[in-house]
């Protein structure tokens, strides 16, 4: 999927009852179907669930810039500014 704007950032809605759990077990279709749809479309994605996943942010931007393709950062962790 070529894109003039190579990076899309998408926040995945997470319910508190499944926080930190497998998104495939979610009762919400927007959560459960996001990754399979991206895979079917051939769009690479990275998950941001823990502090250890932060390197994926730079990797997603780098991939999108270098390949001139869409990349999705799925934000499942609660985020905020200190």
C-alpha atoms as a PDB file:
ATOM      1  CA  UNK A   1       0.000   0.000   0.000  1.00  0.00           C
ATOM      2  CA  UNK A   2       2.056   2.962  -1.201  1.00  0.00           C
ATOM      3  CA  UNK A   3       1.286   6.102   0.693  1.00  0.00           C
ATOM      4  CA  UNK A   4       2.313   9.736   0.406  1.00  0.00           C
ATOM      5  CA  UNK A   5       2.190   9.776   4.181  1.00  0.00           C
ATOM      6  CA  UNK A   6       4.171   6.670   5.056  1.00  0.00           C
ATOM      7  CA  UNK A   7       3.397   6.285   8.756  1.00  0.00           C
ATOM      8  CA  UNK A   8       0.017   5.831  10.359  1.00  0.00           C
ATOM      9  CA  UNK A   9      -0.266   5.736  14.107  1.00  0.00           C
ATOM     10  CA  UNK A  10      -3.284   3.925  15.435  1.00  0.00           C
ATOM     11  CA  UNK A  11      -4.312   3.600  19.032  1.00  0.00           C
ATOM     12  CA  UNK A  12      -5.905   0.261  19.778  1.00  0.00           C
ATOM     13  CA  UNK A  13      -8.828   0.521  22.142  1.00  0.00           C
ATOM     14  CA  UNK A  14      -8.245  -1.852  25.027  1.00  0.00           C
ATOM     15  CA  UNK A  15     -10.767  -2.829  27.622  1.00  0.00           C
ATOM     16  CA  UNK A  16      -9.651  -2.990  31.235  1.00  0.00           C
ATOM     17  CA  UNK A  17     -10.900  -6.571  31.558  1.00  0.00           C
ATOM     18  CA  UNK A  18      -8.315  -7.702  28.965  1.00  0.00           C
ATOM     19  CA  UNK A  19      -5.519  -5.249  29.713  1.00  0.00           C
ATOM     20  CA  UNK A  20      -2.176  -6.806  28.909  1.00  0.00           C
ATOM     21  CA  UNK A  21      -3.882  -9.894  27.539  1.00  0.00           C
ATOM     22  CA  UNK A  22      -4.012 -11.397  24.077  1.00  0.00           C
ATOM     23  CA  UNK A  23      -5.891  -9.063  21.736  1.00  0.00           C
ATOM     24  CA  UNK A  24      -7.320 -12.127  19.942  1.00  0.00           C
ATOM     25  CA  UNK A  25      -9.293 -12.880  23.100  1.00  0.00           C
ATOM     26  CA  UNK A  26     -10.945  -9.470  23.163  1.00  0.00           C
ATOM     27  CA  UNK A  27     -14.709  -9.195  22.955  1.00  0.00           C
ATOM     28  CA  UNK A  28     -14.327  -6.002  20.879  1.00  0.00           C
ATOM     29  CA  UNK A  29     -14.126  -6.527  17.126  1.00  0.00           C
ATOM     30  CA  UNK A  30     -12.013  -3.403  16.618  1.00  0.00           C
ATOM     31  CA  UNK A  31      -9.359  -4.924  18.861  1.00  0.00           C
ATOM     32  CA  UNK A  32      -9.692  -8.525  17.739  1.00  0.00           C
ATOM     33  CA  UNK A  33      -9.689  -7.849  13.984  1.00  0.00           C
ATOM     34  CA  UNK A  34      -7.080  -5.084  13.691  1.00  0.00           C
ATOM     35  CA  UNK A  35      -3.986  -7.286  13.348  1.00  0.00           C
ATOM     36  CA  UNK A  36      -5.557  -9.857  10.982  1.00  0.00           C
ATOM     37  CA  UNK A  37      -6.817  -7.061   8.703  1.00  0.00           C
ATOM     38  CA  UNK A  38      -3.399  -5.392   8.614  1.00  0.00           C
ATOM     39  CA  UNK A  39      -1.789  -8.741   7.818  1.00  0.00           C
ATOM     40  CA  UNK A  40      -4.297  -9.402   5.030  1.00  0.00           C
ATOM     41  CA  UNK A  41      -3.565  -5.961   3.563  1.00  0.00           C
ATOM     42  CA  UNK A  42       0.186  -6.552   3.740  1.00  0.00           C
ATOM     43  CA  UNK A  43       0.765  -3.654   6.142  1.00  0.00           C
ATOM     44  CA  UNK A  44       3.564  -4.135   8.674  1.00  0.00           C
ATOM     45  CA  UNK A  45       2.750  -3.271  12.247  1.00  0.00           C
ATOM     46  CA  UNK A  46       4.479  -2.979  15.593  1.00  0.00           C
ATOM     47  CA  UNK A  47       2.893  -3.306  19.038  1.00  0.00           C
ATOM     48  CA  UNK A  48       3.493  -0.862  21.851  1.00  0.00           C
ATOM     49  CA  UNK A  49       2.436  -2.718  24.982  1.00  0.00           C
ATOM     50  CA  UNK A  50       5.356  -2.310  27.396  1.00  0.00           C
ATOM     51  CA  UNK A  51       8.379  -0.085  27.854  1.00  0.00           C
ATOM     52  CA  UNK A  52      10.420  -2.782  26.134  1.00  0.00           C
ATOM     53  CA  UNK A  53       8.449  -2.164  22.929  1.00  0.00           C
ATOM     54  CA  UNK A  54       9.548   1.485  22.609  1.00  0.00           C
ATOM     55  CA  UNK A  55      12.240   0.577  20.074  1.00  0.00           C
ATOM     56  CA  UNK A  56       9.411  -0.383  17.728  1.00  0.00           C
ATOM     57  CA  UNK A  57       8.401   3.270  17.426  1.00  0.00           C
ATOM     58  CA  UNK A  58      11.694   4.227  15.778  1.00  0.00           C
ATOM     59  CA  UNK A  59      11.708   1.013  13.765  1.00  0.00           C
ATOM     60  CA  UNK A  60       8.221   1.703  12.364  1.00  0.00           C
ATOM     61  CA  UNK A  61       9.149   5.245  11.333  1.00  0.00           C
ATOM     62  CA  UNK A  62      12.429   4.064   9.822  1.00  0.00           C
ATOM     63  CA  UNK A  63      10.717   1.288   7.865  1.00  0.00           C
ATOM     64  CA  UNK A  64       8.024   3.636   6.534  1.00  0.00           C
ATOM     65  CA  UNK A  65      10.573   6.250   5.501  1.00  0.00           C
ATOM     66  CA  UNK A  66      13.018   3.823   3.901  1.00  0.00           C
ATOM     67  CA  UNK A  67      10.426   1.645   2.146  1.00  0.00           C
ATOM     68  CA  UNK A  68       7.960   4.488   1.437  1.00  0.00           C
ATOM     69  CA  UNK A  69       5.187   2.248   2.701  1.00  0.00           C
ATOM     70  CA  UNK A  70       2.583   2.453   5.396  1.00  0.00           C
ATOM     71  CA  UNK A  71       3.490   1.227   8.858  1.00  0.00           C
ATOM     72  CA  UNK A  72       1.185   0.983  11.828  1.00  0.00           C
ATOM     73  CA  UNK A  73       2.097   1.377  15.474  1.00  0.00           C
ATOM     74  CA  UNK A  74      -0.573  -0.310  17.567  1.00  0.00           C
ATOM     75  CA  UNK A  75      -0.690   1.407  20.926  1.00  0.00           C
ATOM     76  CA  UNK A  76      -2.164  -0.916  23.506  1.00  0.00           C
ATOM     77  CA  UNK A  77      -0.368   0.454  26.544  1.00  0.00           C
ATOM     78  CA  UNK A  78      -1.812   3.397  28.419  1.00  0.00           C
ATOM     79  CA  UNK A  79       0.067   6.503  27.385  1.00  0.00           C
ATOM     80  CA  UNK A  80       0.316   9.974  28.855  1.00  0.00           C
ATOM     81  CA  UNK A  81       2.648  12.824  29.598  1.00  0.00           C
ATOM     82  CA  UNK A  82       4.408  13.248  32.921  1.00  0.00           C
END
